[in-house]
Amino acid sequence: MTMTLAHPADEALGRFVEGTLDESERKAVIAHIADCDECRIVAVDSAEFVESAKVGLRQGRTNRSWWLAVAAASILVVAAGFTSAEDPATRVEPSYAELDSRPLEARLSGFRYLKRVTTRGGNDEAAPKLDIMRSDAAEAAARAHAIGFLIRTAKFRHAEGIGLLLAGNAAESLSLLKSAATSDPNNAKYRNDYAVALIATRQFELALAVCDHALRIDPLSLDALFNRAKVLELLGRNDDAIKAYAHYLTVDHSPSSQWADEVRQHLDMLQSSRSPM
């Protein structure tokens, strides 16, 4: 239905899209456009115009196709009275769980274990399942991007970054995941996931520093402990990697941990490759 109360001024809608309203003004506009079709359409159209001017063409898609998804998500978000408790990244988890192989070398926070199956040519993941997961991830990224216009928090920069990373756009995910990590400096999970994107883009030295930062925040983070050992292995620092993997096992000592099983396999491989004394 359409509200009978006065519409927000054009200036207020413009500042809402730009994100320059104070918290009470922003909440008042959200409450209004949840019931006002006219103002909601104006806000979405304005957001499309502003963002298309900023980002230009995205890889593999035009502004229009990208923003059709964003605008639709924006309308759904506002009309449903979206709350900041929801995380769009969770929408990828069902199709991710269907994969036969982990699509990334490193370990994302909160995602279930998948064995990393590789061949000489790279990841040996079946294409149809991977395509479905990447499509879901791209949709989650678009939704998080739209929500970010309404609720500007590190959570939605992180969610958009994870969506882009899993959609196969690791380079695009970097600035978002870095922004989320720096905006919430005590969040070890955000630091860890930024490191995952750095590993995916082969920036190993920086990834190691970011893992170390995550572990200063949470020394018992299994995600960051695993990724730190992984990046040391990728750097060819085998002795350090052996120590890091062994340390991981002192923290993750669950007999049913599949991550621990993978760590033991890497330890065996690295130790067997050592030259005899």
C-alpha atoms as a PDB file:
ATOM      1  CA  MET A   1       0.000   0.000   0.000  1.00  0.00           C
ATOM      2  CA  THR A   2       1.046   3.635  -0.354  1.00  0.00           C
ATOM      3  CA  MET A   3       1.494   5.779   2.721  1.00  0.00           C
ATOM      4  CA  THR A   4      -0.636   8.886   3.151  1.00  0.00           C
ATOM      5  CA  LEU A   5       2.113  10.619   5.138  1.00  0.00           C
ATOM      6  CA  ALA A   6       4.294  13.212   3.415  1.00  0.00           C
ATOM      7  CA  HIS A   7       6.969  11.797   1.150  1.00  0.00           C
ATOM      8  CA  PRO A   8      10.606  12.475   2.040  1.00  0.00           C
ATOM      9  CA  ALA A   9      12.064  15.485   0.272  1.00  0.00           C
ATOM     10  CA  ASP A  10      14.018  14.799  -2.915  1.00  0.00           C
ATOM     11  CA  GLU A  11      17.151  15.927  -1.108  1.00  0.00           C
ATOM     12  CA  ALA A  12      16.547  13.352   1.656  1.00  0.00           C
ATOM     13  CA  LEU A  13      16.118  10.533  -0.874  1.00  0.00           C
ATOM     14  CA  GLY A  14      19.286  11.634  -2.621  1.00  0.00           C
ATOM     15  CA  ARG A  15      21.239  11.654   0.607  1.00  0.00           C
ATOM     16  CA  PHE A  16      19.754   8.256   1.481  1.00  0.00           C
ATOM     17  CA  VAL A  17      21.186   6.788  -1.730  1.00  0.00           C
ATOM     18  CA  GLU A  18      24.534   8.482  -1.082  1.00  0.00           C
ATOM     19  CA  GLY A  19      24.581   7.176   2.500  1.00  0.00           C
ATOM     20  CA  THR A  20      24.958  10.615   4.110  1.00  0.00           C
ATOM     21  CA  LEU A  21      21.821  10.632   6.282  1.00  0.00           C
ATOM     22  CA  ASP A  22      22.225  10.256  10.018  1.00  0.00           C
ATOM     23  CA  GLU A  23      20.894   7.052  11.582  1.00  0.00           C
ATOM     24  CA  SER A  24      17.478   8.378  12.632  1.00  0.00           C
ATOM     25  CA  GLU A  25      16.843   9.978   9.218  1.00  0.00           C
ATOM     26  CA  ARG A  26      17.953   6.801   7.425  1.00  0.00           C
ATOM     27  CA  LYS A  27      15.589   4.628   9.476  1.00  0.00           C
ATOM     28  CA  ALA A  28      12.717   7.028   8.780  1.00  0.00           C
ATOM     29  CA  VAL A  29      13.326   6.816   5.007  1.00  0.00           C
ATOM     30  CA  ILE A  30      13.562   3.004   5.123  1.00  0.00           C
ATOM     31  CA  ALA A  31      10.282   2.823   7.058  1.00  0.00           C
ATOM     32  CA  HIS A  32       8.628   5.085   4.477  1.00  0.00           C
ATOM     33  CA  ILE A  33       9.840   3.359   1.314  1.00  0.00           C
ATOM     34  CA  ALA A  34       8.912  -0.046   2.733  1.00  0.00           C
ATOM     35  CA  ASP A  35       5.279   1.018   2.125  1.00  0.00           C
ATOM     36  CA  CYS A  36       5.646   3.636  -0.604  1.00  0.00           C
ATOM     37  CA  ASP A  37       6.055   2.223  -4.119  1.00  0.00           C
ATOM     38  CA  GLU A  38       6.694   5.664  -5.600  1.00  0.00           C
ATOM     39  CA  CYS A  39       9.601   6.580  -3.314  1.00  0.00           C
ATOM     40  CA  ARG A  40      11.047   3.064  -3.445  1.00  0.00           C
ATOM     41  CA  ILE A  41      11.244   3.218  -7.238  1.00  0.00           C
ATOM     42  CA  VAL A  42      12.875   6.659  -7.069  1.00  0.00           C
ATOM     43  CA  ALA A  43      15.467   5.368  -4.579  1.00  0.00           C
ATOM     44  CA  VAL A  44      16.303   2.280  -6.655  1.00  0.00           C
ATOM     45  CA  ASP A  45      16.512   4.269  -9.892  1.00  0.00           C
ATOM     46  CA  SER A  46      18.780   6.805  -8.206  1.00  0.00           C
ATOM     47  CA  ALA A  47      20.995   4.054  -6.820  1.00  0.00           C
ATOM     48  CA  GLU A  48      21.278   2.528 -10.294  1.00  0.00           C
ATOM     49  CA  PHE A  49      22.330   5.857 -11.777  1.00  0.00           C
ATOM     50  CA  VAL A  50      24.880   6.630  -9.055  1.00  0.00           C
ATOM     51  CA  GLU A  51      26.470   3.199  -9.038  1.00  0.00           C
ATOM     52  CA  SER A  52      26.609   2.799 -12.811  1.00  0.00           C
ATOM     53  CA  ALA A  53      28.536   6.066 -12.956  1.00  0.00           C
ATOM     54  CA  LYS A  54      31.022   4.678 -10.420  1.00  0.00           C
ATOM     55  CA  VAL A  55      31.732   1.165 -11.559  1.00  0.00           C
ATOM     56  CA  GLY A  56      31.540   1.170 -15.367  1.00  0.00           C
ATOM     57  CA  LEU A  57      31.448  -2.250 -16.974  1.00  0.00           C
ATOM     58  CA  ARG A  58      31.879  -5.314 -14.794  1.00  0.00           C
ATOM     59  CA  GLN A  59      33.675  -8.416 -16.068  1.00  0.00           C
ATOM     60  CA  GLY A  60      31.377 -10.453 -18.292  1.00  0.00           C
ATOM     61  CA  ARG A  61      28.258  -8.395 -17.708  1.00  0.00           C
ATOM     62  CA  THR A  62      26.949  -4.922 -18.504  1.00  0.00           C
ATOM     63  CA  ASN A  63      25.912  -2.322 -15.943  1.00  0.00           C
ATOM     64  CA  ARG A  64      22.312  -2.853 -16.974  1.00  0.00           C
ATOM     65  CA  SER A  65      22.291  -6.616 -16.382  1.00  0.00           C
ATOM     66  CA  TRP A  66      24.143  -6.181 -13.086  1.00  0.00           C
ATOM     67  CA  TRP A  67      21.835  -3.453 -11.917  1.00  0.00           C
ATOM     68  CA  LEU A  68      18.658  -5.266 -12.896  1.00  0.00           C
ATOM     69  CA  ALA A  69      19.653  -7.817 -10.267  1.00  0.00           C
ATOM     70  CA  VAL A  70      20.655  -5.121  -7.791  1.00  0.00           C
ATOM     71  CA  ALA A  71      17.477  -3.083  -8.283  1.00  0.00           C
ATOM     72  CA  ALA A  72      15.266  -6.152  -7.906  1.00  0.00           C
ATOM     73  CA  ALA A  73      17.108  -7.136  -4.753  1.00  0.00           C
ATOM     74  CA  SER A  74      16.785  -3.594  -3.388  1.00  0.00           C
ATOM     75  CA  ILE A  75      13.008  -3.652  -3.810  1.00  0.00           C
ATOM     76  CA  LEU A  76      12.753  -7.034  -2.115  1.00  0.00           C
ATOM     77  CA  VAL A  77      15.028  -5.952   0.701  1.00  0.00           C
ATOM     78  CA  VAL A  78      13.040  -2.847   1.554  1.00  0.00           C
ATOM     79  CA  ALA A  79       9.588  -4.310   0.963  1.00  0.00           C
ATOM     80  CA  ALA A  80      10.366  -7.230   3.263  1.00  0.00           C
ATOM     81  CA  GLY A  81      11.585  -4.965   6.048  1.00  0.00           C
ATOM     82  CA  PHE A  82      15.086  -6.455   5.849  1.00  0.00           C
ATOM     83  CA  THR A  83      17.062  -6.582   9.091  1.00  0.00           C
ATOM     84  CA  SER A  84      20.813  -6.500   9.536  1.00  0.00           C
ATOM     85  CA  ALA A  85      20.764 -10.007  11.051  1.00  0.00           C
ATOM     86  CA  GLU A  86      20.590 -11.692   7.635  1.00  0.00           C
ATOM     87  CA  ASP A  87      23.797 -12.525   5.787  1.00  0.00           C
ATOM     88  CA  PRO A  88      23.481 -13.006   1.996  1.00  0.00           C
ATOM     89  CA  ALA A  89      26.642 -15.145   1.951  1.00  0.00           C
ATOM     90  CA  THR A  90      24.711 -17.988   3.606  1.00  0.00           C
ATOM     91  CA  ARG A  91      22.642 -18.336   0.423  1.00  0.00           C
ATOM     92  CA  VAL A  92      25.648 -19.908  -1.311  1.00  0.00           C
ATOM     93  CA  GLU A  93      26.143 -22.657   1.256  1.00  0.00           C
ATOM     94  CA  PRO A  94      23.612 -25.223  -0.111  1.00  0.00           C
ATOM     95  CA  SER A  95      25.066 -25.286  -3.631  1.00  0.00           C
ATOM     96  CA  TYR A  96      28.602 -25.086  -2.227  1.00  0.00           C
ATOM     97  CA  ALA A  97      27.893 -28.209  -0.156  1.00  0.00           C
ATOM     98  CA  GLU A  98      26.937 -30.084  -3.352  1.00  0.00           C
ATOM     99  CA  LEU A  99      30.389 -29.641  -4.891  1.00  0.00           C
ATOM    100  CA  ASP A 100      32.656 -32.656  -5.186  1.00  0.00           C
ATOM    101  CA  SER A 101      35.817 -30.590  -4.719  1.00  0.00           C
ATOM    102  CA  ARG A 102      36.793 -27.429  -2.850  1.00  0.00           C
ATOM    103  CA  PRO A 103      37.015 -24.601  -5.402  1.00  0.00           C
ATOM    104  CA  LEU A 104      39.668 -22.696  -3.423  1.00  0.00           C
ATOM    105  CA  GLU A 105      42.983 -23.876  -2.033  1.00  0.00           C
ATOM    106  CA  ALA A 106      42.458 -22.050   1.242  1.00  0.00           C
ATOM    107  CA  ARG A 107      39.770 -22.290   3.912  1.00  0.00           C
ATOM    108  CA  LEU A 108      36.857 -19.837   4.055  1.00  0.00           C
ATOM    109  CA  SER A 109      35.322 -19.036   7.431  1.00  0.00           C
ATOM    110  CA  GLY A 110      32.099 -20.897   8.128  1.00  0.00           C
ATOM    111  CA  PHE A 111      32.012 -23.130   5.035  1.00  0.00           C
ATOM    112  CA  ARG A 112      31.896 -26.903   5.363  1.00  0.00           C
ATOM    113  CA  TYR A 113      34.867 -29.110   4.550  1.00  0.00           C
ATOM    114  CA  LEU A 114      35.303 -30.182   0.942  1.00  0.00           C
ATOM    115  CA  LYS A 115      38.246 -32.204  -0.271  1.00  0.00           C
ATOM    116  CA  ARG A 116      40.495 -30.350  -2.695  1.00  0.00           C
ATOM    117  CA  VAL A 117      40.768 -32.536  -5.806  1.00  0.00           C
ATOM    118  CA  THR A 118      43.265 -31.386  -8.403  1.00  0.00           C
ATOM    119  CA  THR A 119      44.783 -32.667 -11.593  1.00  0.00           C
ATOM    120  CA  ARG A 120      47.769 -31.388 -13.535  1.00  0.00           C
ATOM    121  CA  GLY A 121      45.411 -28.964 -15.250  1.00  0.00           C
ATOM    122  CA  GLY A 122      44.032 -27.578 -11.974  1.00  0.00           C
ATOM    123  CA  ASN A 123      40.876 -28.124  -9.976  1.00  0.00           C
ATOM    124  CA  ASP A 124      39.028 -31.260 -11.104  1.00  0.00           C
ATOM    125  CA  GLU A 125      35.550 -29.955 -10.183  1.00  0.00           C
ATOM    126  CA  ALA A 126      32.623 -31.068 -12.356  1.00  0.00           C
ATOM    127  CA  ALA A 127      31.521 -28.023 -14.364  1.00  0.00           C
ATOM    128  CA  PRO A 128      27.708 -28.177 -13.884  1.00  0.00           C
ATOM    129  CA  LYS A 129      27.845 -28.128 -10.074  1.00  0.00           C
ATOM    130  CA  LEU A 130      30.498 -25.425 -10.109  1.00  0.00           C
ATOM    131  CA  ASP A 131      28.435 -23.309 -12.514  1.00  0.00           C
ATOM    132  CA  ILE A 132      25.380 -23.556 -10.239  1.00  0.00           C
ATOM    133  CA  MET A 133      27.414 -22.560  -7.193  1.00  0.00           C
ATOM    134  CA  ARG A 134      29.007 -19.636  -9.041  1.00  0.00           C
ATOM    135  CA  SER A 135      25.591 -18.453 -10.209  1.00  0.00           C
ATOM    136  CA  ASP A 136      24.294 -18.551  -6.628  1.00  0.00           C
ATOM    137  CA  ALA A 137      27.419 -16.737  -5.460  1.00  0.00           C
ATOM    138  CA  ALA A 138      26.972 -13.986  -8.071  1.00  0.00           C
ATOM    139  CA  GLU A 139      23.348 -13.571  -6.962  1.00  0.00           C
ATOM    140  CA  ALA A 140      24.443 -13.349  -3.321  1.00  0.00           C
ATOM    141  CA  ALA A 141      27.017 -10.707  -4.258  1.00  0.00           C
ATOM    142  CA  ALA A 142      24.370  -8.656  -6.073  1.00  0.00           C
ATOM    143  CA  ARG A 143      22.019  -8.936  -3.107  1.00  0.00           C
ATOM    144  CA  ALA A 144      24.734  -7.895  -0.656  1.00  0.00           C
ATOM    145  CA  HIS A 145      25.605  -4.975  -2.925  1.00  0.00           C
ATOM    146  CA  ALA A 146      21.982  -3.840  -2.929  1.00  0.00           C
ATOM    147  CA  ILE A 147      21.628  -4.214   0.820  1.00  0.00           C
ATOM    148  CA  GLY A 148      24.797  -2.186   1.232  1.00  0.00           C
ATOM    149  CA  PHE A 149      22.905   0.862  -0.002  1.00  0.00           C
ATOM    150  CA  LEU A 150      20.526   0.512   2.933  1.00  0.00           C
ATOM    151  CA  ILE A 151      22.708  -0.953   5.673  1.00  0.00           C
ATOM    152  CA  ARG A 152      26.296   0.166   5.227  1.00  0.00           C
ATOM    153  CA  THR A 153      28.239  -2.243   7.417  1.00  0.00           C
ATOM    154  CA  ALA A 154      31.312  -4.432   7.126  1.00  0.00           C
ATOM    155  CA  LYS A 155      29.022  -7.476   7.058  1.00  0.00           C
ATOM    156  CA  PHE A 156      27.671  -6.670   3.610  1.00  0.00           C
ATOM    157  CA  ARG A 157      31.032  -5.686   2.139  1.00  0.00           C
ATOM    158  CA  HIS A 158      32.270  -9.057   3.409  1.00  0.00           C
ATOM    159  CA  ALA A 159      29.230 -10.884   1.986  1.00  0.00           C
ATOM    160  CA  GLU A 160      29.641  -9.224  -1.413  1.00  0.00           C
ATOM    161  CA  GLY A 161      33.342 -10.070  -1.402  1.00  0.00           C
ATOM    162  CA  ILE A 162      32.667 -13.731  -0.589  1.00  0.00           C
ATOM    163  CA  GLY A 163      30.049 -13.869  -3.338  1.00  0.00           C
ATOM    164  CA  LEU A 164      32.459 -12.460  -5.908  1.00  0.00           C
ATOM    165  CA  LEU A 165      35.278 -14.751  -4.734  1.00  0.00           C
ATOM    166  CA  LEU A 166      33.132 -17.876  -5.067  1.00  0.00           C
ATOM    167  CA  ALA A 167      31.736 -16.632  -8.377  1.00  0.00           C
ATOM    168  CA  GLY A 168      35.286 -16.759  -9.749  1.00  0.00           C
ATOM    169  CA  ASN A 169      36.086 -13.041  -9.458  1.00  0.00           C
ATOM    170  CA  ALA A 170      38.867 -13.169  -6.881  1.00  0.00           C
ATOM    171  CA  ALA A 171      40.502  -9.940  -8.033  1.00  0.00           C
ATOM    172  CA  GLU A 172      37.206  -8.047  -7.680  1.00  0.00           C
ATOM    173  CA  SER A 173      36.660  -9.456  -4.189  1.00  0.00           C
ATOM    174  CA  LEU A 174      39.924  -8.133  -2.751  1.00  0.00           C
ATOM    175  CA  SER A 175      38.975  -4.516  -2.077  1.00  0.00           C
ATOM    176  CA  LEU A 176      35.654  -5.527  -0.487  1.00  0.00           C
ATOM    177  CA  LEU A 177      37.181  -8.139   1.802  1.00  0.00           C
ATOM    178  CA  LYS A 178      40.009  -5.797   2.763  1.00  0.00           C
ATOM    179  CA  SER A 179      37.482  -3.044   3.506  1.00  0.00           C
ATOM    180  CA  ALA A 180      35.412  -5.382   5.695  1.00  0.00           C
ATOM    181  CA  ALA A 181      38.516  -6.491   7.595  1.00  0.00           C
ATOM    182  CA  THR A 182      39.755  -2.956   8.231  1.00  0.00           C
ATOM    183  CA  SER A 183      36.269  -1.691   9.142  1.00  0.00           C
ATOM    184  CA  ASP A 184      35.894  -4.421  11.781  1.00  0.00           C
ATOM    185  CA  PRO A 185      39.502  -4.717  12.989  1.00  0.00           C
ATOM    186  CA  ASN A 186      38.796  -7.266  15.732  1.00  0.00           C
ATOM    187  CA  ASN A 187      37.061  -9.747  13.435  1.00  0.00           C
ATOM    188  CA  ALA A 188      39.432 -12.654  12.778  1.00  0.00           C
ATOM    189  CA  LYS A 189      37.012 -14.237  10.288  1.00  0.00           C
ATOM    190  CA  TYR A 190      37.079 -11.189   8.029  1.00  0.00           C
ATOM    191  CA  ARG A 191      40.894 -11.148   8.143  1.00  0.00           C
ATOM    192  CA  ASN A 192      40.991 -14.846   7.314  1.00  0.00           C
ATOM    193  CA  ASP A 193      38.695 -14.484   4.321  1.00  0.00           C
ATOM    194  CA  TYR A 194      40.739 -11.551   3.002  1.00  0.00           C
ATOM    195  CA  ALA A 195      43.757 -13.882   3.205  1.00  0.00           C
ATOM    196  CA  VAL A 196      41.839 -16.524   1.202  1.00  0.00           C
ATOM    197  CA  ALA A 197      41.314 -14.006  -1.616  1.00  0.00           C
ATOM    198  CA  LEU A 198      44.989 -13.040  -1.489  1.00  0.00           C
ATOM    199  CA  ILE A 199      45.972 -16.699  -1.799  1.00  0.00           C
ATOM    200  CA  ALA A 200      43.577 -17.091  -4.743  1.00  0.00           C
ATOM    201  CA  THR A 201      45.316 -14.151  -6.457  1.00  0.00           C
ATOM    202  CA  ARG A 202      48.771 -15.589  -5.600  1.00  0.00           C
ATOM    203  CA  GLN A 203      49.757 -12.754  -3.248  1.00  0.00           C
ATOM    204  CA  PHE A 204      51.330 -15.148  -0.806  1.00  0.00           C
ATOM    205  CA  GLU A 205      53.567 -12.840   1.245  1.00  0.00           C
ATOM    206  CA  LEU A 206      50.696 -10.454   1.974  1.00  0.00           C
ATOM    207  CA  ALA A 207      48.380 -13.409   2.691  1.00  0.00           C
ATOM    208  CA  LEU A 208      50.864 -14.656   5.294  1.00  0.00           C
ATOM    209  CA  ALA A 209      50.876 -11.258   7.011  1.00  0.00           C
ATOM    210  CA  VAL A 210      47.069 -11.167   7.027  1.00  0.00           C
ATOM    211  CA  CYS A 211      46.891 -14.696   8.501  1.00  0.00           C
ATOM    212  CA  ASP A 212      49.310 -13.617  11.220  1.00  0.00           C
ATOM    213  CA  HIS A 213      47.076 -10.619  11.946  1.00  0.00           C
ATOM    214  CA  ALA A 214      44.011 -12.880  12.199  1.00  0.00           C
ATOM    215  CA  LEU A 215      45.865 -15.118  14.649  1.00  0.00           C
ATOM    216  CA  ARG A 216      46.839 -12.157  16.811  1.00  0.00           C
ATOM    217  CA  ILE A 217      43.103 -11.494  17.121  1.00  0.00           C
ATOM    218  CA  ASP A 218      42.188 -15.162  17.669  1.00  0.00           C
ATOM    219  CA  PRO A 219      45.153 -17.508  18.255  1.00  0.00           C
ATOM    220  CA  LEU A 220      42.819 -20.532  18.120  1.00  0.00           C
ATOM    221  CA  SER A 221      41.241 -19.741  14.736  1.00  0.00           C
ATOM    222  CA  LEU A 222      41.359 -23.056  12.864  1.00  0.00           C
ATOM    223  CA  ASP A 223      40.664 -21.265   9.581  1.00  0.00           C
ATOM    224  CA  ALA A 224      43.638 -18.925   9.951  1.00  0.00           C
ATOM    225  CA  LEU A 225      45.923 -21.669  11.311  1.00  0.00           C
ATOM    226  CA  PHE A 226      45.154 -23.853   8.300  1.00  0.00           C
ATOM    227  CA  ASN A 227      45.621 -20.999   5.844  1.00  0.00           C
ATOM    228  CA  ARG A 228      48.879 -19.863   7.415  1.00  0.00           C
ATOM    229  CA  ALA A 229      50.327 -23.371   6.995  1.00  0.00           C
ATOM    230  CA  LYS A 230      48.956 -23.548   3.447  1.00  0.00           C
ATOM    231  CA  VAL A 231      50.540 -20.276   2.383  1.00  0.00           C
ATOM    232  CA  LEU A 232      53.901 -21.279   3.856  1.00  0.00           C
ATOM    233  CA  GLU A 233      53.713 -24.453   1.776  1.00  0.00           C
ATOM    234  CA  LEU A 234      52.828 -22.435  -1.331  1.00  0.00           C
ATOM    235  CA  LEU A 235      55.813 -20.169  -0.655  1.00  0.00           C
ATOM    236  CA  GLY A 236      58.073 -23.229  -0.637  1.00  0.00           C
ATOM    237  CA  ARG A 237      58.997 -22.704   3.013  1.00  0.00           C
ATOM    238  CA  ASN A 238      58.575 -26.390   3.743  1.00  0.00           C
ATOM    239  CA  ASP A 239      60.199 -26.526   7.176  1.00  0.00           C
ATOM    240  CA  ASP A 240      58.031 -23.657   8.369  1.00  0.00           C
ATOM    241  CA  ALA A 241      54.974 -25.264   6.785  1.00  0.00           C
ATOM    242  CA  ILE A 242      55.670 -28.539   8.627  1.00  0.00           C
ATOM    243  CA  LYS A 243      55.812 -26.663  11.934  1.00  0.00           C
ATOM    244  CA  ALA A 244      52.626 -24.739  11.107  1.00  0.00           C
ATOM    245  CA  TYR A 245      50.698 -27.871  10.105  1.00  0.00           C
ATOM    246  CA  ALA A 246      51.921 -29.668  13.241  1.00  0.00           C
ATOM    247  CA  HIS A 247      50.783 -26.710  15.355  1.00  0.00           C
ATOM    248  CA  TYR A 248      47.362 -26.855  13.664  1.00  0.00           C
ATOM    249  CA  LEU A 249      46.966 -30.437  14.888  1.00  0.00           C
ATOM    250  CA  THR A 250      47.597 -29.371  18.485  1.00  0.00           C
ATOM    251  CA  VAL A 251      44.486 -27.173  18.229  1.00  0.00           C
ATOM    252  CA  ASP A 252      42.261 -29.291  15.973  1.00  0.00           C
ATOM    253  CA  HIS A 253      42.514 -32.683  17.653  1.00  0.00           C
ATOM    254  CA  SER A 254      38.989 -33.897  16.896  1.00  0.00           C
ATOM    255  CA  PRO A 255      39.122 -37.515  15.638  1.00  0.00           C
ATOM    256  CA  SER A 256      36.374 -36.708  13.107  1.00  0.00           C
ATOM    257  CA  SER A 257      37.942 -33.517  11.695  1.00  0.00           C
ATOM    258  CA  GLN A 258      38.363 -33.823   7.937  1.00  0.00           C
ATOM    259  CA  TRP A 259      40.475 -30.653   7.938  1.00  0.00           C
ATOM    260  CA  ALA A 260      42.871 -32.380  10.354  1.00  0.00           C
ATOM    261  CA  ASP A 261      42.994 -35.413   8.049  1.00  0.00           C
ATOM    262  CA  GLU A 262      43.998 -33.144   5.150  1.00  0.00           C
ATOM    263  CA  VAL A 263      46.666 -31.511   7.309  1.00  0.00           C
ATOM    264  CA  ARG A 264      48.128 -34.934   8.142  1.00  0.00           C
ATOM    265  CA  GLN A 265      48.316 -35.738   4.424  1.00  0.00           C
ATOM    266  CA  HIS A 266      50.230 -32.507   3.775  1.00  0.00           C
ATOM    267  CA  LEU A 267      52.540 -33.242   6.706  1.00  0.00           C
ATOM    268  CA  ASP A 268      53.309 -36.721   5.395  1.00  0.00           C
ATOM    269  CA  MET A 269      54.004 -35.345   1.911  1.00  0.00           C
ATOM    270  CA  LEU A 270      56.267 -32.549   3.144  1.00  0.00           C
ATOM    271  CA  GLN A 271      58.156 -34.756   5.571  1.00  0.00           C
ATOM    272  CA  SER A 272      58.726 -37.475   2.943  1.00  0.00           C
ATOM    273  CA  SER A 273      60.126 -34.880   0.530  1.00  0.00           C
ATOM    274  CA  ARG A 274      62.845 -33.801   2.961  1.00  0.00           C
ATOM    275  CA  SER A 275      66.334 -34.679   1.851  1.00  0.00           C
ATOM    276  CA  PRO A 276      67.959 -37.352   4.039  1.00  0.00           C
ATOM    277  CA  MET A 277      70.436 -35.963   6.568  1.00  0.00           C
END
